[in-house]
């Protein structure tokens, strides 16, 4: 995509967000042929970006939050896991999550994380807080959403930890 085409896409994305601020942002990424990170950078507010080298620091903190929503979203699937993110450890070049039977497990490449975004926004009318991890191409590695209580409200303790963590390594995310 040329710089001019990308600039036009960004203008259209910002217009679409203004018209439907709680819509599905991934749809805009697909519609305009830009990486999902570009769409996040078009949000007018509520986004804090930190460098991806804080990957392990962020996940280590989240391991103490309790139940969250872990999402991997690709063009072909949306995989959701509700539960705690286990503490990980480096081994064989990977950050390994060992959640035990029924828990979240996996092997992650921290060096591939170029940016981490803390996102505060409405989604389909509901307040959300998410931490979104991106590779160098601007595509999502995975997302972690603050959990909800029995009344479907964001867990206050997790919101506090989210906010504290977002400023610990923060620099403001620039609008595209």
N, C-alpha and C. Protein backbone atom coordinates (compact mmCIF):
# COMPACT_ATOMS: atom_id res chain seq x y z
N UNK A 1 0.85 -1.17 0.00
CA UNK A 1 0.00 0.00 0.00
C UNK A 1 0.90 1.24 0.00
N UNK A 2 0.62 2.17 -0.87
CA UNK A 2 1.41 3.39 -0.94
C UNK A 2 1.10 4.28 0.26
N UNK A 3 1.99 5.24 0.53
CA UNK A 3 1.77 6.17 1.63
C UNK A 3 0.47 6.95 1.44
N UNK A 4 0.17 7.33 0.18
CA UNK A 4 -1.06 8.06 -0.10
C UNK A 4 -2.28 7.20 0.17
N UNK A 5 -2.24 5.94 -0.28
CA UNK A 5 -3.35 5.02 -0.02
C UNK A 5 -3.54 4.81 1.48
N UNK A 6 -2.43 4.66 2.20
CA UNK A 6 -2.52 4.46 3.65
C UNK A 6 -3.10 5.71 4.31
N UNK A 7 -2.68 6.88 3.88
CA UNK A 7 -3.22 8.12 4.46
C UNK A 7 -4.73 8.22 4.22
N UNK A 8 -5.18 7.85 3.03
CA UNK A 8 -6.62 7.86 2.73
C UNK A 8 -7.36 6.84 3.59
N UNK A 9 -6.75 5.66 3.75
CA UNK A 9 -7.36 4.61 4.58
C UNK A 9 -7.50 5.10 6.02
N UNK A 10 -6.48 5.76 6.53
CA UNK A 10 -6.52 6.26 7.91
C UNK A 10 -7.64 7.28 8.09
N UNK A 11 -7.81 8.16 7.13
CA UNK A 11 -8.91 9.14 7.20
C UNK A 11 -10.25 8.42 7.25
N UNK A 12 -10.43 7.41 6.40
CA UNK A 12 -11.70 6.66 6.37
C UNK A 12 -11.90 5.86 7.66
N UNK A 13 -10.83 5.30 8.20
CA UNK A 13 -10.93 4.55 9.46
C UNK A 13 -11.35 5.47 10.59
N UNK A 14 -10.74 6.64 10.66
CA UNK A 14 -11.10 7.60 11.71
C UNK A 14 -12.57 8.02 11.58
N UNK A 15 -13.04 8.19 10.35
CA UNK A 15 -14.45 8.54 10.13
C UNK A 15 -15.35 7.40 10.60
N UNK A 16 -14.98 6.18 10.25
CA UNK A 16 -15.79 5.02 10.65
C UNK A 16 -15.85 4.88 12.17
N UNK A 17 -14.72 5.12 12.83
CA UNK A 17 -14.69 5.04 14.30
C UNK A 17 -15.56 6.14 14.90
N UNK A 18 -15.51 7.33 14.33
CA UNK A 18 -16.34 8.44 14.83
C UNK A 18 -17.83 8.10 14.69
N UNK A 19 -18.20 7.44 13.60
CA UNK A 19 -19.60 7.08 13.36
C UNK A 19 -20.08 5.93 14.24
N UNK A 20 -19.18 4.99 14.53
CA UNK A 20 -19.54 3.82 15.36
C UNK A 20 -18.35 3.50 16.28
N UNK A 21 -18.19 4.28 17.35
CA UNK A 21 -17.01 4.12 18.20
C UNK A 21 -16.92 2.78 18.93
N UNK A 22 -18.03 2.07 19.06
CA UNK A 22 -17.97 0.79 19.78
C UNK A 22 -18.06 -0.41 18.83
N UNK A 23 -17.71 -0.20 17.57
CA UNK A 23 -17.78 -1.27 16.58
C UNK A 23 -16.59 -2.21 16.62
N UNK A 24 -16.60 -3.17 15.72
CA UNK A 24 -15.55 -4.18 15.62
C UNK A 24 -14.38 -3.59 14.83
N UNK A 25 -13.30 -3.33 15.50
CA UNK A 25 -12.15 -2.68 14.86
C UNK A 25 -11.45 -3.60 13.86
N UNK A 26 -11.45 -4.89 14.11
CA UNK A 26 -10.82 -5.82 13.17
C UNK A 26 -11.47 -5.75 11.79
N UNK A 27 -12.76 -5.46 11.75
CA UNK A 27 -13.44 -5.33 10.45
C UNK A 27 -12.87 -4.16 9.66
N UNK A 28 -12.50 -3.08 10.34
CA UNK A 28 -11.90 -1.93 9.66
C UNK A 28 -10.52 -2.28 9.11
N UNK A 29 -9.78 -3.06 9.85
CA UNK A 29 -8.47 -3.51 9.39
C UNK A 29 -8.61 -4.29 8.09
N UNK A 30 -9.54 -5.21 8.05
CA UNK A 30 -9.77 -6.01 6.84
C UNK A 30 -10.31 -5.16 5.70
N UNK A 31 -11.26 -4.30 6.01
CA UNK A 31 -11.90 -3.48 4.97
C UNK A 31 -10.90 -2.56 4.28
N UNK A 32 -9.98 -1.99 5.03
CA UNK A 32 -9.06 -1.01 4.46
C UNK A 32 -7.66 -1.56 4.20
N UNK A 33 -7.46 -2.85 4.48
CA UNK A 33 -6.20 -3.50 4.15
C UNK A 33 -5.00 -2.98 4.91
N UNK A 34 -5.23 -2.64 6.18
CA UNK A 34 -4.13 -2.15 7.01
C UNK A 34 -3.96 -3.09 8.20
N UNK A 35 -2.76 -3.11 8.79
CA UNK A 35 -2.58 -3.93 10.00
C UNK A 35 -3.51 -3.44 11.11
N UNK A 36 -3.91 -4.34 11.97
CA UNK A 36 -4.82 -3.99 13.05
C UNK A 36 -4.24 -2.90 13.95
N UNK A 37 -2.94 -2.89 14.14
CA UNK A 37 -2.31 -1.86 14.97
C UNK A 37 -2.59 -0.46 14.41
N UNK A 38 -2.62 -0.32 13.11
CA UNK A 38 -2.93 0.97 12.49
C UNK A 38 -4.32 1.44 12.89
N UNK A 39 -5.27 0.52 12.95
CA UNK A 39 -6.63 0.88 13.37
C UNK A 39 -6.63 1.34 14.82
N UNK A 40 -5.94 0.63 15.70
CA UNK A 40 -5.87 1.05 17.11
C UNK A 40 -5.29 2.45 17.23
N UNK A 41 -4.29 2.74 16.42
CA UNK A 41 -3.65 4.06 16.46
C UNK A 41 -4.57 5.17 15.97
N UNK A 42 -5.67 4.80 15.34
CA UNK A 42 -6.67 5.78 14.88
C UNK A 42 -7.70 6.12 15.95
N UNK A 43 -7.72 5.38 17.04
CA UNK A 43 -8.67 5.69 18.11
C UNK A 43 -8.34 7.08 18.66
N UNK A 44 -9.35 7.90 18.88
CA UNK A 44 -9.09 9.28 19.31
C UNK A 44 -8.60 9.40 20.75
N UNK A 45 -8.84 8.37 21.56
CA UNK A 45 -8.44 8.41 22.97
C UNK A 45 -8.47 7.01 23.55
N UNK A 46 -7.94 6.89 24.76
CA UNK A 46 -8.04 5.64 25.50
C UNK A 46 -7.00 4.59 25.18
N UNK A 47 -5.92 4.99 24.48
CA UNK A 47 -4.90 4.01 24.09
C UNK A 47 -3.54 4.45 24.64
N UNK A 48 -2.87 3.53 25.30
CA UNK A 48 -1.51 3.75 25.77
C UNK A 48 -0.63 2.66 25.16
N UNK A 49 0.49 3.07 24.59
CA UNK A 49 1.41 2.12 23.97
C UNK A 49 2.68 2.01 24.79
N UNK A 50 3.15 0.76 24.95
CA UNK A 50 4.46 0.54 25.55
C UNK A 50 5.27 -0.33 24.60
N UNK A 51 6.56 -0.32 24.79
CA UNK A 51 7.45 -1.11 23.95
C UNK A 51 7.26 -2.61 24.21
N UNK A 52 7.37 -3.40 23.17
CA UNK A 52 7.18 -4.84 23.27
C UNK A 52 8.20 -5.55 24.13
N UNK A 53 9.34 -4.91 24.41
CA UNK A 53 10.33 -5.61 25.24
C UNK A 53 9.85 -5.76 26.69
N UNK A 54 8.71 -5.18 27.02
CA UNK A 54 8.11 -5.35 28.35
C UNK A 54 7.16 -6.55 28.39
N UNK A 55 7.15 -7.36 27.35
CA UNK A 55 6.27 -8.52 27.20
C UNK A 55 6.23 -9.38 28.47
N UNK A 56 7.38 -9.85 28.91
CA UNK A 56 7.42 -10.74 30.08
C UNK A 56 6.99 -10.00 31.34
N UNK A 57 7.41 -8.73 31.49
CA UNK A 57 7.00 -7.95 32.66
C UNK A 57 5.48 -7.85 32.75
N UNK A 58 4.85 -7.56 31.63
CA UNK A 58 3.39 -7.41 31.60
C UNK A 58 2.71 -8.74 31.91
N UNK A 59 3.13 -9.81 31.26
CA UNK A 59 2.50 -11.11 31.51
C UNK A 59 2.74 -11.59 32.94
N UNK A 60 3.90 -11.29 33.51
CA UNK A 60 4.17 -11.68 34.89
C UNK A 60 3.20 -10.99 35.84
N UNK A 61 2.93 -9.71 35.59
CA UNK A 61 1.97 -8.99 36.41
C UNK A 61 0.56 -9.56 36.24
N UNK A 62 0.16 -9.80 35.00
CA UNK A 62 -1.19 -10.33 34.72
C UNK A 62 -1.40 -11.69 35.37
N UNK A 63 -0.33 -12.46 35.55
CA UNK A 63 -0.45 -13.78 36.18
C UNK A 63 -0.99 -13.69 37.61
N UNK A 64 -0.99 -12.50 38.17
CA UNK A 64 -1.51 -12.30 39.53
C UNK A 64 -2.90 -11.66 39.56
N UNK A 65 -3.55 -11.53 38.43
CA UNK A 65 -4.83 -10.84 38.35
C UNK A 65 -6.03 -11.75 38.62
N UNK A 66 -5.88 -13.04 38.47
CA UNK A 66 -7.04 -13.92 38.55
C UNK A 66 -7.64 -14.12 37.16
N UNK A 67 -8.92 -14.42 37.10
CA UNK A 67 -9.57 -14.75 35.84
C UNK A 67 -9.68 -13.54 34.91
N UNK A 68 -9.23 -13.72 33.68
CA UNK A 68 -9.31 -12.73 32.61
C UNK A 68 -9.82 -13.44 31.36
N UNK A 69 -9.98 -12.68 30.29
CA UNK A 69 -10.35 -13.27 29.00
C UNK A 69 -9.13 -13.15 28.09
N UNK A 70 -8.62 -14.28 27.61
CA UNK A 70 -7.47 -14.35 26.71
C UNK A 70 -8.01 -14.66 25.33
N UNK A 71 -7.69 -13.82 24.35
CA UNK A 71 -8.27 -13.98 23.01
C UNK A 71 -7.17 -13.98 21.95
N UNK A 72 -7.26 -14.93 21.04
CA UNK A 72 -6.48 -14.93 19.81
C UNK A 72 -7.48 -14.74 18.68
N UNK A 73 -7.31 -13.66 17.91
CA UNK A 73 -8.27 -13.29 16.87
C UNK A 73 -7.53 -13.23 15.53
N UNK A 74 -7.91 -14.10 14.64
CA UNK A 74 -7.36 -14.08 13.28
C UNK A 74 -8.52 -13.91 12.31
N UNK A 75 -8.22 -13.84 11.03
CA UNK A 75 -9.30 -13.70 10.04
C UNK A 75 -10.15 -14.97 9.99
N UNK A 76 -9.63 -16.07 10.49
CA UNK A 76 -10.33 -17.34 10.39
C UNK A 76 -10.97 -17.84 11.68
N UNK A 77 -10.57 -17.26 12.81
CA UNK A 77 -11.10 -17.77 14.08
C UNK A 77 -10.93 -16.74 15.18
N UNK A 78 -11.80 -16.83 16.16
CA UNK A 78 -11.64 -16.08 17.40
C UNK A 78 -11.65 -17.13 18.51
N UNK A 79 -10.50 -17.30 19.16
CA UNK A 79 -10.37 -18.29 20.23
C UNK A 79 -10.35 -17.53 21.56
N UNK A 80 -11.24 -17.93 22.48
CA UNK A 80 -11.34 -17.27 23.77
C UNK A 80 -11.08 -18.27 24.89
N UNK A 81 -10.35 -17.81 25.88
CA UNK A 81 -10.12 -18.61 27.09
C UNK A 81 -10.41 -17.73 28.29
N UNK A 82 -11.28 -18.18 29.18
CA UNK A 82 -11.55 -17.46 30.43
C UNK A 82 -10.89 -18.21 31.57
N UNK A 83 -10.09 -17.49 32.33
CA UNK A 83 -9.39 -18.09 33.45
C UNK A 83 -8.13 -17.30 33.72
N UNK A 84 -7.32 -17.77 34.65
CA UNK A 84 -6.08 -17.07 34.95
C UNK A 84 -5.01 -17.34 33.89
N UNK A 85 -4.16 -16.33 33.69
CA UNK A 85 -2.97 -16.52 32.86
C UNK A 85 -1.90 -17.04 33.81
N UNK A 86 -1.35 -18.22 33.53
CA UNK A 86 -0.35 -18.77 34.46
C UNK A 86 0.97 -18.01 34.38
N UNK A 87 1.75 -18.10 35.45
CA UNK A 87 3.10 -17.55 35.40
C UNK A 87 3.89 -18.36 34.40
N UNK A 88 4.66 -17.66 33.60
CA UNK A 88 5.47 -18.34 32.60
C UNK A 88 6.92 -18.37 32.99
N UNK A 89 7.68 -19.06 32.17
CA UNK A 89 9.13 -19.11 32.36
C UNK A 89 9.80 -19.33 31.01
N UNK A 90 10.97 -18.75 30.88
CA UNK A 90 11.73 -18.92 29.64
C UNK A 90 12.37 -20.30 29.62
N UNK A 91 12.33 -20.92 28.45
CA UNK A 91 12.97 -22.22 28.25
C UNK A 91 12.98 -22.54 26.77
N UNK A 92 14.12 -22.95 26.26
CA UNK A 92 14.28 -23.29 24.85
C UNK A 92 13.87 -22.14 23.94
N UNK A 93 14.16 -20.90 24.38
CA UNK A 93 13.88 -19.73 23.56
C UNK A 93 12.43 -19.28 23.54
N UNK A 94 11.60 -19.90 24.35
CA UNK A 94 10.18 -19.56 24.37
C UNK A 94 9.78 -19.17 25.80
N UNK A 95 8.72 -18.36 25.90
CA UNK A 95 8.11 -18.06 27.19
C UNK A 95 6.98 -19.06 27.33
N UNK A 96 7.13 -19.98 28.25
CA UNK A 96 6.24 -21.13 28.36
C UNK A 96 5.21 -20.93 29.46
N UNK A 97 3.93 -21.08 29.09
CA UNK A 97 2.82 -21.01 30.03
C UNK A 97 2.37 -22.43 30.32
N UNK A 98 2.33 -22.78 31.59
CA UNK A 98 1.91 -24.12 32.00
C UNK A 98 0.71 -23.99 32.93
N UNK A 99 -0.48 -24.01 32.32
CA UNK A 99 -1.70 -23.81 33.09
C UNK A 99 -2.29 -25.06 33.69
N UNK A 100 -1.68 -26.19 33.45
CA UNK A 100 -2.21 -27.42 34.01
C UNK A 100 -3.47 -27.87 33.29
N UNK A 101 -4.07 -28.97 33.74
CA UNK A 101 -5.28 -29.49 33.10
C UNK A 101 -6.38 -28.44 33.05
N UNK A 102 -6.88 -28.16 31.87
CA UNK A 102 -7.96 -27.20 31.69
C UNK A 102 -7.52 -25.75 31.74
N UNK A 103 -6.24 -25.51 32.00
CA UNK A 103 -5.76 -24.14 32.09
C UNK A 103 -5.11 -23.70 30.79
N UNK A 104 -4.77 -22.44 30.73
CA UNK A 104 -4.12 -21.87 29.56
C UNK A 104 -2.66 -22.34 29.51
N UNK A 105 -2.29 -22.90 28.39
CA UNK A 105 -0.91 -23.34 28.18
C UNK A 105 -0.48 -22.88 26.80
N UNK A 106 0.82 -22.74 26.62
CA UNK A 106 1.32 -22.37 25.31
C UNK A 106 2.77 -21.95 25.38
N UNK A 107 3.31 -21.65 24.22
CA UNK A 107 4.72 -21.30 24.08
C UNK A 107 4.78 -20.03 23.23
N UNK A 108 5.31 -18.97 23.80
CA UNK A 108 5.29 -17.65 23.19
C UNK A 108 6.71 -17.18 22.89
N UNK A 109 6.84 -16.38 21.84
CA UNK A 109 8.13 -15.81 21.46
C UNK A 109 8.15 -14.33 21.85
N UNK A 110 8.68 -14.01 23.02
CA UNK A 110 8.68 -12.62 23.48
C UNK A 110 9.40 -11.66 22.53
N UNK A 111 10.44 -12.14 21.87
CA UNK A 111 11.20 -11.27 20.98
C UNK A 111 10.39 -10.81 19.77
N UNK A 112 9.28 -11.48 19.48
CA UNK A 112 8.43 -11.08 18.35
C UNK A 112 7.43 -10.00 18.72
N UNK A 113 7.35 -9.65 19.99
CA UNK A 113 6.41 -8.61 20.42
C UNK A 113 7.08 -7.25 20.23
N UNK A 114 6.53 -6.47 19.32
CA UNK A 114 7.09 -5.14 19.02
C UNK A 114 6.40 -4.04 19.81
N UNK A 115 5.13 -4.23 20.16
CA UNK A 115 4.39 -3.19 20.88
C UNK A 115 3.27 -3.83 21.69
N UNK A 116 2.94 -3.16 22.78
CA UNK A 116 1.83 -3.57 23.64
C UNK A 116 0.94 -2.36 23.83
N UNK A 117 -0.36 -2.53 23.59
CA UNK A 117 -1.32 -1.45 23.71
C UNK A 117 -2.29 -1.74 24.84
N UNK A 118 -2.49 -0.73 25.69
CA UNK A 118 -3.51 -0.77 26.73
C UNK A 118 -4.69 0.03 26.17
N UNK A 119 -5.82 -0.64 26.00
CA UNK A 119 -6.95 -0.04 25.29
C UNK A 119 -8.15 0.07 26.22
N UNK A 120 -8.70 1.28 26.30
CA UNK A 120 -9.90 1.57 27.07
C UNK A 120 -10.95 2.04 26.09
N UNK A 121 -12.02 1.26 25.93
CA UNK A 121 -13.06 1.68 24.98
C UNK A 121 -14.35 0.94 25.24
N UNK A 122 -15.41 1.47 24.65
CA UNK A 122 -16.68 0.77 24.64
C UNK A 122 -16.64 -0.24 23.50
N UNK A 123 -17.20 -1.40 23.73
CA UNK A 123 -17.36 -2.40 22.67
C UNK A 123 -18.78 -2.91 22.78
N UNK A 124 -19.55 -2.69 21.72
CA UNK A 124 -20.95 -3.09 21.68
C UNK A 124 -21.69 -2.61 22.93
N UNK A 125 -21.41 -1.36 23.30
CA UNK A 125 -22.10 -0.72 24.41
C UNK A 125 -21.55 -1.00 25.78
N UNK A 126 -20.52 -1.84 25.88
CA UNK A 126 -19.97 -2.18 27.20
C UNK A 126 -18.55 -1.62 27.33
N UNK A 127 -18.26 -1.12 28.51
CA UNK A 127 -16.92 -0.64 28.82
C UNK A 127 -15.95 -1.83 28.81
N UNK A 128 -14.77 -1.65 28.20
CA UNK A 128 -13.76 -2.71 28.19
C UNK A 128 -12.39 -2.13 28.51
N UNK A 129 -11.52 -3.01 28.95
CA UNK A 129 -10.10 -2.73 29.13
C UNK A 129 -9.37 -3.96 28.58
N UNK A 130 -8.45 -3.72 27.66
CA UNK A 130 -7.70 -4.85 27.10
C UNK A 130 -6.23 -4.48 26.95
N UNK A 131 -5.41 -5.50 27.00
CA UNK A 131 -3.99 -5.36 26.73
C UNK A 131 -3.75 -6.19 25.47
N UNK A 132 -3.24 -5.52 24.43
CA UNK A 132 -3.11 -6.16 23.13
C UNK A 132 -1.64 -6.17 22.71
N UNK A 133 -1.18 -7.32 22.32
CA UNK A 133 0.23 -7.56 22.00
C UNK A 133 0.37 -7.66 20.48
N UNK A 134 1.36 -6.93 19.92
CA UNK A 134 1.53 -6.84 18.46
C UNK A 134 2.92 -7.24 18.01
N UNK A 135 2.98 -7.86 16.83
CA UNK A 135 4.27 -8.18 16.22
C UNK A 135 4.76 -7.00 15.39
N UNK A 136 5.92 -7.16 14.76
CA UNK A 136 6.53 -6.07 13.99
C UNK A 136 5.72 -5.68 12.76
N UNK A 137 4.85 -6.57 12.28
CA UNK A 137 4.00 -6.27 11.13
C UNK A 137 2.73 -5.53 11.52
N UNK A 138 2.55 -5.29 12.83
CA UNK A 138 1.36 -4.60 13.29
C UNK A 138 0.15 -5.49 13.44
N UNK A 139 0.37 -6.79 13.46
CA UNK A 139 -0.73 -7.74 13.63
C UNK A 139 -0.78 -8.23 15.07
N UNK A 140 -1.97 -8.55 15.51
CA UNK A 140 -2.18 -8.98 16.88
C UNK A 140 -1.58 -10.35 17.14
N UNK A 141 -0.85 -10.46 18.24
CA UNK A 141 -0.38 -11.77 18.71
C UNK A 141 -1.51 -12.38 19.55
N UNK A 142 -1.96 -11.63 20.55
CA UNK A 142 -3.12 -12.01 21.36
C UNK A 142 -3.55 -10.79 22.16
N UNK A 143 -4.72 -10.93 22.81
CA UNK A 143 -5.28 -9.87 23.64
C UNK A 143 -5.69 -10.46 24.98
N UNK A 144 -5.60 -9.64 26.01
CA UNK A 144 -6.08 -10.03 27.33
C UNK A 144 -7.03 -8.95 27.82
N UNK A 145 -8.26 -9.36 28.14
CA UNK A 145 -9.29 -8.44 28.61
C UNK A 145 -9.46 -8.56 30.12
N UNK A 146 -9.63 -7.42 30.76
CA UNK A 146 -9.96 -7.38 32.18
C UNK A 146 -11.24 -8.18 32.37
N UNK A 147 -11.26 -8.97 33.45
CA UNK A 147 -12.41 -9.82 33.73
C UNK A 147 -13.62 -9.03 34.24
N UNK A 148 -14.74 -9.72 34.29
CA UNK A 148 -16.00 -9.13 34.75
C UNK A 148 -16.50 -9.89 35.98
N UNK A 149 -17.24 -9.16 36.82
CA UNK A 149 -17.82 -9.79 38.00
C UNK A 149 -19.18 -10.40 37.63
N UNK A 150 -19.91 -10.87 38.63
CA UNK A 150 -21.20 -11.53 38.39
C UNK A 150 -22.23 -10.59 37.79
N UNK A 151 -22.06 -9.30 38.02
CA UNK A 151 -22.99 -8.31 37.47
C UNK A 151 -22.52 -7.79 36.11
N UNK A 152 -21.49 -8.42 35.54
CA UNK A 152 -20.92 -8.09 34.22
C UNK A 152 -20.19 -6.75 34.23
N UNK A 153 -19.81 -6.27 35.41
CA UNK A 153 -19.01 -5.06 35.52
C UNK A 153 -17.54 -5.46 35.54
N UNK A 154 -16.69 -4.56 35.03
CA UNK A 154 -15.26 -4.84 35.07
C UNK A 154 -14.81 -5.00 36.52
N UNK A 155 -13.93 -5.96 36.76
CA UNK A 155 -13.41 -6.18 38.11
C UNK A 155 -12.54 -4.99 38.50
N UNK A 156 -12.95 -4.30 39.56
CA UNK A 156 -12.31 -3.06 39.98
C UNK A 156 -10.82 -3.25 40.27
N UNK A 157 -10.46 -4.32 40.94
CA UNK A 157 -9.05 -4.56 41.27
C UNK A 157 -8.23 -4.72 39.99
N UNK A 158 -8.78 -5.42 39.00
CA UNK A 158 -8.06 -5.59 37.74
C UNK A 158 -7.95 -4.27 36.98
N UNK A 159 -8.99 -3.44 37.03
CA UNK A 159 -8.92 -2.13 36.37
C UNK A 159 -7.80 -1.31 37.00
N UNK A 160 -7.69 -1.33 38.33
CA UNK A 160 -6.61 -0.61 39.01
C UNK A 160 -5.25 -1.13 38.57
N UNK A 161 -5.10 -2.44 38.50
CA UNK A 161 -3.82 -3.02 38.09
C UNK A 161 -3.52 -2.70 36.62
N UNK A 162 -4.55 -2.73 35.78
CA UNK A 162 -4.42 -2.37 34.37
C UNK A 162 -3.88 -0.94 34.26
N UNK A 163 -4.51 0.00 34.97
CA UNK A 163 -4.10 1.39 34.90
C UNK A 163 -2.67 1.58 35.42
N UNK A 164 -2.36 0.95 36.53
CA UNK A 164 -1.01 1.06 37.08
C UNK A 164 0.03 0.50 36.11
N UNK A 165 -0.27 -0.65 35.53
CA UNK A 165 0.66 -1.27 34.59
C UNK A 165 0.79 -0.44 33.32
N UNK A 166 -0.30 0.19 32.89
CA UNK A 166 -0.25 0.97 31.66
C UNK A 166 0.64 2.19 31.78
N UNK A 167 0.80 2.73 32.98
CA UNK A 167 1.67 3.89 33.13
C UNK A 167 3.09 3.53 33.54
N UNK A 168 3.28 2.31 34.01
CA UNK A 168 4.60 1.90 34.48
C UNK A 168 5.65 2.01 33.37
N UNK A 169 5.33 1.61 32.16
CA UNK A 169 6.28 1.63 31.04
C UNK A 169 5.81 2.54 29.90
N UNK A 170 4.87 3.42 30.18
CA UNK A 170 4.10 4.09 29.12
C UNK A 170 4.80 5.24 28.42
N UNK A 171 4.35 5.38 27.20
CA UNK A 171 4.51 6.60 26.42
C UNK A 171 3.21 6.71 25.63
N UNK A 172 2.69 7.89 25.42
CA UNK A 172 1.41 8.01 24.72
C UNK A 172 1.47 7.41 23.31
N UNK A 173 0.42 6.74 22.91
CA UNK A 173 0.33 6.21 21.54
C UNK A 173 -0.05 7.36 20.62
N UNK A 174 0.73 7.58 19.58
CA UNK A 174 0.42 8.65 18.65
C UNK A 174 -0.71 8.26 17.72
N UNK A 175 -1.52 9.22 17.40
CA UNK A 175 -2.57 8.97 16.40
C UNK A 175 -1.92 8.90 15.04
N UNK A 176 -2.35 7.96 14.25
CA UNK A 176 -1.78 7.78 12.90
C UNK A 176 -2.13 8.94 12.01
